[in-house]
Amino acid sequence: MDGLHRMMFDDVLTEHGLTGFTDTDRAEVVSAWPSCSSTLPTSADWRSTPSGPPN
């Protein structure tokens, strides 16, 4: 699955002209991808965060 994620990530970077990512950067992002939450935070989540929502 990492290979597919890497291909898709490379495509997104290319489509948006994001050329500053090295191969090491790309590999790091792809390896961290599975640990990212797939849900958006709710207002209750932000209320429980001391700093509140991002600006």
PDB file of N, CA and C in Angstrom:
ATOM      1  N   MET A   1       0.816  -1.183   0.000  1.00  0.00           N
ATOM      2  CA  MET A   1       0.000   0.000   0.000  1.00  0.00           C
ATOM      3  C   MET A   1       0.868   1.258   0.000  1.00  0.00           C
ATOM      4  N   ASP A   2       2.046   1.190   0.636  1.00  0.00           N
ATOM      5  CA  ASP A   2       2.920   2.362   0.648  1.00  0.00           C
ATOM      6  C   ASP A   2       3.292   2.807  -0.759  1.00  0.00           C
ATOM      7  N   GLY A   3       3.463   1.854  -1.676  1.00  0.00           N
ATOM      8  CA  GLY A   3       3.796   2.192  -3.052  1.00  0.00           C
ATOM      9  C   GLY A   3       2.693   3.000  -3.711  1.00  0.00           C
ATOM     10  N   LEU A   4       1.442   2.604  -3.463  1.00  0.00           N
ATOM     11  CA  LEU A   4       0.302   3.338  -4.017  1.00  0.00           C
ATOM     12  C   LEU A   4       0.203   4.732  -3.400  1.00  0.00           C
ATOM     13  N   HIS A   5       0.368   4.812  -2.077  1.00  0.00           N
ATOM     14  CA  HIS A   5       0.357   6.118  -1.412  1.00  0.00           C
ATOM     15  C   HIS A   5       1.453   7.021  -1.971  1.00  0.00           C
ATOM     16  N   ARG A   6       2.612   6.456  -2.183  1.00  0.00           N
ATOM     17  CA  ARG A   6       3.734   7.240  -2.707  1.00  0.00           C
ATOM     18  C   ARG A   6       3.423   7.764  -4.112  1.00  0.00           C
ATOM     19  N   MET A   7       2.856   6.909  -4.962  1.00  0.00           N
ATOM     20  CA  MET A   7       2.501   7.344  -6.320  1.00  0.00           C
ATOM     21  C   MET A   7       1.483   8.480  -6.278  1.00  0.00           C
ATOM     22  N   MET A   8       0.474   8.337  -5.429  1.00  0.00           N
ATOM     23  CA  MET A   8      -0.565   9.365  -5.332  1.00  0.00           C
ATOM     24  C   MET A   8       0.013  10.664  -4.768  1.00  0.00           C
ATOM     25  N   PHE A   9       0.864  10.553  -3.775  1.00  0.00           N
ATOM     26  CA  PHE A   9       1.494  11.734  -3.176  1.00  0.00           C
ATOM     27  C   PHE A   9       2.369  12.437  -4.210  1.00  0.00           C
ATOM     28  N   ASP A  10       3.146  11.676  -4.947  1.00  0.00           N
ATOM     29  CA  ASP A  10       3.976  12.266  -6.005  1.00  0.00           C
ATOM     30  C   ASP A  10       3.112  12.994  -7.032  1.00  0.00           C
ATOM     31  N   ASP A  11       1.986  12.382  -7.405  1.00  0.00           N
ATOM     32  CA  ASP A  11       1.067  13.013  -8.367  1.00  0.00           C
ATOM     33  C   ASP A  11       0.524  14.337  -7.834  1.00  0.00           C
ATOM     34  N   VAL A  12       0.108  14.347  -6.575  1.00  0.00           N
ATOM     35  CA  VAL A  12      -0.438  15.574  -5.973  1.00  0.00           C
ATOM     36  C   VAL A  12       0.625  16.666  -5.940  1.00  0.00           C
ATOM     37  N   LEU A  13       1.832  16.315  -5.522  1.00  0.00           N
ATOM     38  CA  LEU A  13       2.909  17.308  -5.469  1.00  0.00           C
ATOM     39  C   LEU A  13       3.191  17.875  -6.859  1.00  0.00           C
ATOM     40  N   THR A  14       3.229  17.008  -7.856  1.00  0.00           N
ATOM     41  CA  THR A  14       3.494  17.445  -9.226  1.00  0.00           C
ATOM     42  C   THR A  14       2.373  18.346  -9.739  1.00  0.00           C
ATOM     43  N   GLU A  15       1.133  17.930  -9.532  1.00  0.00           N
ATOM     44  CA  GLU A  15      -0.019  18.706 -10.008  1.00  0.00           C
ATOM     45  C   GLU A  15      -0.055  20.111  -9.422  1.00  0.00           C
ATOM     46  N   HIS A  16       0.456  20.256  -8.207  1.00  0.00           N
ATOM     47  CA  HIS A  16       0.408  21.549  -7.528  1.00  0.00           C
ATOM     48  C   HIS A  16       1.747  22.293  -7.545  1.00  0.00           C
ATOM     49  N   GLY A  17       2.706  21.764  -8.293  1.00  0.00           N
ATOM     50  CA  GLY A  17       3.992  22.431  -8.438  1.00  0.00           C
ATOM     51  C   GLY A  17       4.816  22.495  -7.163  1.00  0.00           C
ATOM     52  N   LEU A  18       4.619  21.539  -6.285  1.00  0.00           N
ATOM     53  CA  LEU A  18       5.345  21.511  -5.006  1.00  0.00           C
ATOM     54  C   LEU A  18       6.641  20.723  -5.190  1.00  0.00           C
ATOM     55  N   THR A  19       7.695  21.432  -5.486  1.00  0.00           N
ATOM     56  CA  THR A  19       8.958  20.788  -5.860  1.00  0.00           C
ATOM     57  C   THR A  19       9.987  20.734  -4.732  1.00  0.00           C
ATOM     58  N   GLY A  20       9.662  21.270  -3.575  1.00  0.00           N
ATOM     59  CA  GLY A  20      10.639  21.334  -2.489  1.00  0.00           C
ATOM     60  C   GLY A  20      10.776  20.070  -1.671  1.00  0.00           C
ATOM     61  N   PHE A  21       9.980  19.044  -1.954  1.00  0.00           N
ATOM     62  CA  PHE A  21      10.047  17.805  -1.194  1.00  0.00           C
ATOM     63  C   PHE A  21      11.135  16.900  -1.755  1.00  0.00           C
ATOM     64  N   THR A  22      12.073  16.505  -0.903  1.00  0.00           N
ATOM     65  CA  THR A  22      13.101  15.546  -1.310  1.00  0.00           C
ATOM     66  C   THR A  22      12.510  14.133  -1.264  1.00  0.00           C
ATOM     67  N   ASP A  23      13.247  13.162  -1.781  1.00  0.00           N
ATOM     68  CA  ASP A  23      12.799  11.770  -1.688  1.00  0.00           C
ATOM     69  C   ASP A  23      12.644  11.346  -0.231  1.00  0.00           C
ATOM     70  N   THR A  24      13.538  11.829   0.625  1.00  0.00           N
ATOM     71  CA  THR A  24      13.457  11.514   2.053  1.00  0.00           C
ATOM     72  C   THR A  24      12.190  12.111   2.654  1.00  0.00           C
ATOM     73  N   ASP A  25      11.878  13.366   2.312  1.00  0.00           N
ATOM     74  CA  ASP A  25      10.652  14.007   2.797  1.00  0.00           C
ATOM     75  C   ASP A  25       9.426  13.211   2.377  1.00  0.00           C
ATOM     76  N   ARG A  26       9.407  12.837   1.107  1.00  0.00           N
ATOM     77  CA  ARG A  26       8.266  12.101   0.568  1.00  0.00           C
ATOM     78  C   ARG A  26       8.091  10.762   1.274  1.00  0.00           C
ATOM     79  N   ALA A  27       9.175  10.049   1.483  1.00  0.00           N
ATOM     80  CA  ALA A  27       9.113   8.754   2.165  1.00  0.00           C
ATOM     81  C   ALA A  27       8.620   8.919   3.600  1.00  0.00           C
ATOM     82  N   GLU A  28       9.033   9.991   4.266  1.00  0.00           N
ATOM     83  CA  GLU A  28       8.611  10.239   5.644  1.00  0.00           C
ATOM     84  C   GLU A  28       7.108  10.514   5.714  1.00  0.00           C
ATOM     85  N   VAL A  29       6.608  11.337   4.796  1.00  0.00           N
ATOM     86  CA  VAL A  29       5.174  11.633   4.772  1.00  0.00           C
ATOM     87  C   VAL A  29       4.378  10.361   4.507  1.00  0.00           C
ATOM     88  N   VAL A  30       4.802   9.589   3.518  1.00  0.00           N
ATOM     89  CA  VAL A  30       4.078   8.368   3.160  1.00  0.00           C
ATOM     90  C   VAL A  30       4.089   7.370   4.318  1.00  0.00           C
ATOM     91  N   SER A  31       5.193   7.258   5.026  1.00  0.00           N
ATOM     92  CA  SER A  31       5.252   6.298   6.142  1.00  0.00           C
ATOM     93  C   SER A  31       4.401   6.753   7.321  1.00  0.00           C
ATOM     94  N   ALA A  32       4.175   8.063   7.465  1.00  0.00           N
ATOM     95  CA  ALA A  32       3.354   8.584   8.562  1.00  0.00           C
ATOM     96  C   ALA A  32       1.862   8.567   8.226  1.00  0.00           C
ATOM     97  N   TRP A  33       1.533   8.484   6.942  1.00  0.00           N
ATOM     98  CA  TRP A  33       0.152   8.562   6.480  1.00  0.00           C
ATOM     99  C   TRP A  33      -0.801   7.634   7.231  1.00  0.00           C
ATOM    100  N   PRO A  34      -0.467   6.347   7.426  1.00  0.00           N
ATOM    101  CA  PRO A  34      -1.403   5.437   8.099  1.00  0.00           C
ATOM    102  C   PRO A  34      -1.729   5.833   9.540  1.00  0.00           C
ATOM    103  N   SER A  35      -0.866   6.592  10.186  1.00  0.00           N
ATOM    104  CA  SER A  35      -1.122   6.965  11.577  1.00  0.00           C
ATOM    105  C   SER A  35      -1.959   8.238  11.703  1.00  0.00           C
ATOM    106  N   CYS A  36      -2.260   8.877  10.571  1.00  0.00           N
ATOM    107  CA  CYS A  36      -3.083  10.087  10.589  1.00  0.00           C
ATOM    108  C   CYS A  36      -4.552   9.724  10.804  1.00  0.00           C
ATOM    109  N   SER A  37      -5.242  10.569  11.531  1.00  0.00           N
ATOM    110  CA  SER A  37      -6.663  10.366  11.755  1.00  0.00           C
ATOM    111  C   SER A  37      -7.429  10.599  10.459  1.00  0.00           C
ATOM    112  N   SER A  38      -8.438   9.794  10.228  1.00  0.00           N
ATOM    113  CA  SER A  38      -9.244   9.961   9.027  1.00  0.00           C
ATOM    114  C   SER A  38     -10.528  10.736   9.307  1.00  0.00           C
ATOM    115  N   THR A  39     -10.660  11.244  10.531  1.00  0.00           N
ATOM    116  CA  THR A  39     -11.843  12.029  10.874  1.00  0.00           C
ATOM    117  C   THR A  39     -11.438  13.447  11.242  1.00  0.00           C
ATOM    118  N   LEU A  40     -12.321  14.371  10.968  1.00  0.00           N
ATOM    119  CA  LEU A  40     -12.067  15.765  11.325  1.00  0.00           C
ATOM    120  C   LEU A  40     -12.443  15.992  12.785  1.00  0.00           C
ATOM    121  N   PRO A  41     -11.740  16.904  13.450  1.00  0.00           N
ATOM    122  CA  PRO A  41     -12.098  17.189  14.845  1.00  0.00           C
ATOM    123  C   PRO A  41     -13.460  17.873  14.920  1.00  0.00           C
ATOM    124  N   THR A  42     -14.155  17.627  16.013  1.00  0.00           N
ATOM    125  CA  THR A  42     -15.454  18.264  16.241  1.00  0.00           C
ATOM    126  C   THR A  42     -15.264  19.477  17.141  1.00  0.00           C
ATOM    127  N   SER A  43     -16.318  20.275  17.292  1.00  0.00           N
ATOM    128  CA  SER A  43     -16.215  21.439  18.185  1.00  0.00           C
ATOM    129  C   SER A  43     -15.935  20.994  19.617  1.00  0.00           C
ATOM    130  N   ALA A  44     -16.438  19.817  20.001  1.00  0.00           N
ATOM    131  CA  ALA A  44     -16.150  19.298  21.345  1.00  0.00           C
ATOM    132  C   ALA A  44     -14.665  19.009  21.507  1.00  0.00           C
ATOM    133  N   ASP A  45     -14.028  18.524  20.431  1.00  0.00           N
ATOM    134  CA  ASP A  45     -12.584  18.271  20.484  1.00  0.00           C
ATOM    135  C   ASP A  45     -11.832  19.568  20.731  1.00  0.00           C
ATOM    136  N   TRP A  46     -12.242  20.651  20.047  1.00  0.00           N
ATOM    137  CA  TRP A  46     -11.553  21.933  20.201  1.00  0.00           C
ATOM    138  C   TRP A  46     -11.766  22.514  21.587  1.00  0.00           C
ATOM    139  N   ARG A  47     -12.960  22.319  22.146  1.00  0.00           N
ATOM    140  CA  ARG A  47     -13.225  22.855  23.500  1.00  0.00           C
ATOM    141  C   ARG A  47     -12.321  22.172  24.521  1.00  0.00           C
ATOM    142  N   SER A  48     -11.944  20.939  24.280  1.00  0.00           N
ATOM    143  CA  SER A  48     -11.093  20.226  25.237  1.00  0.00           C
ATOM    144  C   SER A  48      -9.607  20.476  25.000  1.00  0.00           C
ATOM    145  N   THR A  49      -9.278  21.286  23.965  1.00  0.00           N
ATOM    146  CA  THR A  49      -7.889  21.622  23.661  1.00  0.00           C
ATOM    147  C   THR A  49      -7.566  22.980  24.263  1.00  0.00           C
ATOM    148  N   PRO A  50      -6.549  23.070  25.128  1.00  0.00           N
ATOM    149  CA  PRO A  50      -6.246  24.350  25.795  1.00  0.00           C
ATOM    150  C   PRO A  50      -6.050  25.522  24.832  1.00  0.00           C
ATOM    151  N   SER A  51      -5.451  25.285  23.683  1.00  0.00           N
ATOM    152  CA  SER A  51      -5.183  26.399  22.767  1.00  0.00           C
ATOM    153  C   SER A  51      -6.369  26.701  21.855  1.00  0.00           C
ATOM    154  N   GLY A  52      -7.403  25.860  21.855  1.00  0.00           N
ATOM    155  CA  GLY A  52      -8.561  26.073  21.012  1.00  0.00           C
ATOM    156  C   GLY A  52      -8.273  25.761  19.562  1.00  0.00           C
ATOM    157  N   PRO A  53      -9.226  26.138  18.692  1.00  0.00           N
ATOM    158  CA  PRO A  53      -9.050  25.832  17.266  1.00  0.00           C
ATOM    159  C   PRO A  53      -7.934  26.652  16.635  1.00  0.00           C
ATOM    160  N   PRO A  54      -7.375  26.155  15.542  1.00  0.00           N
ATOM    161  CA  PRO A  54      -6.321  26.933  14.851  1.00  0.00           C
ATOM    162  C   PRO A  54      -6.918  28.172  14.210  1.00  0.00           C
ATOM    163  N   ASN A  55      -6.080  29.189  14.060  1.00  0.00           N
ATOM    164  CA  ASN A  55      -6.550  30.427  13.429  1.00  0.00           C
ATOM    165  C   ASN A  55      -6.427  30.361  11.938  1.00  0.00           C
TER     166      ASN A  55
END
